[in-house]
Amino acid sequence: MSAAHEVQPRAQFALRSSPFYELRELQVEPVQDCLLISGAVSSFYYKQLAQEVVRSVCREIDVVNSIHVW
């Protein structure tokens, strides 16, 4: 099992626990040796915030932000 698979639950929990409702609906998936964040939010601020939330709990893993801003 890769490191990304091991930390994925922690990253998903961090988003689900966010006080910002839009971040709770995002998905985190392990892809090779990185974490992929996907979903949609209403602003670039939330897109960046989601990335930083995931990075804060998974500093040792690369994060790919594929969140769509609508």
C-alpha atoms as a PDB file:
ATOM      1  CA  MET A   1       0.000   0.000   0.000  1.00  0.00           C
ATOM      2  CA  SER A   2       1.383   3.425  -0.954  1.00  0.00           C
ATOM      3  CA  ALA A   3       1.767   6.350   1.408  1.00  0.00           C
ATOM      4  CA  ALA A   4      -1.011   8.141  -0.481  1.00  0.00           C
ATOM      5  CA  HIS A   5      -3.417   5.276   0.296  1.00  0.00           C
ATOM      6  CA  GLU A   6      -2.475   5.446   3.967  1.00  0.00           C
ATOM      7  CA  VAL A   7      -3.096   9.194   4.378  1.00  0.00           C
ATOM      8  CA  GLN A   8      -6.176   9.473   2.139  1.00  0.00           C
ATOM      9  CA  PRO A   9      -8.663   8.826   4.991  1.00  0.00           C
ATOM     10  CA  ARG A  10      -7.016  11.549   7.078  1.00  0.00           C
ATOM     11  CA  ALA A  11      -7.231  14.035   4.193  1.00  0.00           C
ATOM     12  CA  GLN A  12     -10.859  13.164   3.457  1.00  0.00           C
ATOM     13  CA  PHE A  13     -11.748  13.542   7.129  1.00  0.00           C
ATOM     14  CA  ALA A  14     -10.086  16.979   7.244  1.00  0.00           C
ATOM     15  CA  LEU A  15     -12.298  18.186   4.380  1.00  0.00           C
ATOM     16  CA  ARG A  16     -15.453  16.586   5.798  1.00  0.00           C
ATOM     17  CA  SER A  17     -14.763  18.319   9.131  1.00  0.00           C
ATOM     18  CA  SER A  18     -14.292  21.763   7.568  1.00  0.00           C
ATOM     19  CA  PRO A  19     -16.485  24.613   8.791  1.00  0.00           C
ATOM     20  CA  PHE A  20     -16.909  25.511   5.088  1.00  0.00           C
ATOM     21  CA  TYR A  21     -19.762  23.426   3.707  1.00  0.00           C
ATOM     22  CA  GLU A  22     -18.458  23.413   0.120  1.00  0.00           C
ATOM     23  CA  LEU A  23     -15.252  21.663   1.174  1.00  0.00           C
ATOM     24  CA  ARG A  24     -17.205  18.824   2.777  1.00  0.00           C
ATOM     25  CA  GLU A  25     -18.455  17.633  -0.622  1.00  0.00           C
ATOM     26  CA  LEU A  26     -15.002  17.299  -2.208  1.00  0.00           C
ATOM     27  CA  GLN A  27     -13.342  13.949  -2.836  1.00  0.00           C
ATOM     28  CA  VAL A  28      -9.764  12.876  -2.144  1.00  0.00           C
ATOM     29  CA  GLU A  29      -8.381   9.894  -4.036  1.00  0.00           C
ATOM     30  CA  PRO A  30      -4.931   8.318  -3.963  1.00  0.00           C
ATOM     31  CA  VAL A  31      -3.438   8.283  -7.464  1.00  0.00           C
ATOM     32  CA  GLN A  32      -0.002   6.683  -7.701  1.00  0.00           C
ATOM     33  CA  ASP A  33       2.076   8.531  -5.085  1.00  0.00           C
ATOM     34  CA  CYS A  34      -0.108  11.621  -4.715  1.00  0.00           C
ATOM     35  CA  LEU A  35      -3.552  12.694  -3.559  1.00  0.00           C
ATOM     36  CA  LEU A  36      -6.046  14.010  -6.103  1.00  0.00           C
ATOM     37  CA  ILE A  37      -8.699  16.448  -4.862  1.00  0.00           C
ATOM     38  CA  SER A  38     -11.777  16.681  -7.069  1.00  0.00           C
ATOM     39  CA  GLY A  39     -15.225  18.206  -7.024  1.00  0.00           C
ATOM     40  CA  ALA A  40     -16.606  21.710  -7.512  1.00  0.00           C
ATOM     41  CA  VAL A  41     -16.646  24.901  -5.445  1.00  0.00           C
ATOM     42  CA  SER A  42     -17.956  28.418  -6.014  1.00  0.00           C
ATOM     43  CA  SER A  43     -14.670  30.339  -5.772  1.00  0.00           C
ATOM     44  CA  PHE A  44     -10.928  30.089  -6.271  1.00  0.00           C
ATOM     45  CA  TYR A  45     -10.581  30.887  -2.572  1.00  0.00           C
ATOM     46  CA  TYR A  46     -12.347  27.629  -1.645  1.00  0.00           C
ATOM     47  CA  LYS A  47     -10.277  25.745  -4.218  1.00  0.00           C
ATOM     48  CA  GLN A  48      -7.056  26.989  -2.633  1.00  0.00           C
ATOM     49  CA  LEU A  49      -8.397  26.491   0.880  1.00  0.00           C
ATOM     50  CA  ALA A  50      -9.215  22.839   0.153  1.00  0.00           C
ATOM     51  CA  GLN A  51      -5.703  22.265  -1.109  1.00  0.00           C
ATOM     52  CA  GLU A  52      -4.196  23.794   2.022  1.00  0.00           C
ATOM     53  CA  VAL A  53      -6.475  21.763   4.304  1.00  0.00           C
ATOM     54  CA  VAL A  54      -5.293  18.551   2.657  1.00  0.00           C
ATOM     55  CA  ARG A  55      -1.645  19.635   2.705  1.00  0.00           C
ATOM     56  CA  SER A  56      -1.867  20.458   6.405  1.00  0.00           C
ATOM     57  CA  VAL A  57      -2.585  16.831   7.289  1.00  0.00           C
ATOM     58  CA  CYS A  58      -0.462  15.177   4.576  1.00  0.00           C
ATOM     59  CA  ARG A  59       2.717  17.190   4.240  1.00  0.00           C
ATOM     60  CA  GLU A  60       4.731  14.228   2.975  1.00  0.00           C
ATOM     61  CA  ILE A  61       2.450  13.585  -0.039  1.00  0.00           C
ATOM     62  CA  ASP A  62       2.114  15.616  -3.246  1.00  0.00           C
ATOM     63  CA  VAL A  63      -1.361  17.067  -3.766  1.00  0.00           C
ATOM     64  CA  VAL A  64      -2.999  17.512  -7.170  1.00  0.00           C
ATOM     65  CA  ASN A  65      -5.844  20.019  -7.131  1.00  0.00           C
ATOM     66  CA  SER A  66      -8.373  19.263  -9.899  1.00  0.00           C
ATOM     67  CA  ILE A  67     -11.266  21.106  -8.244  1.00  0.00           C
ATOM     68  CA  HIS A  68     -13.579  22.871 -10.679  1.00  0.00           C
ATOM     69  CA  VAL A  69     -14.726  26.427  -9.914  1.00  0.00           C
ATOM     70  CA  TRP A  70     -18.268  27.135 -11.108  1.00  0.00           C
END
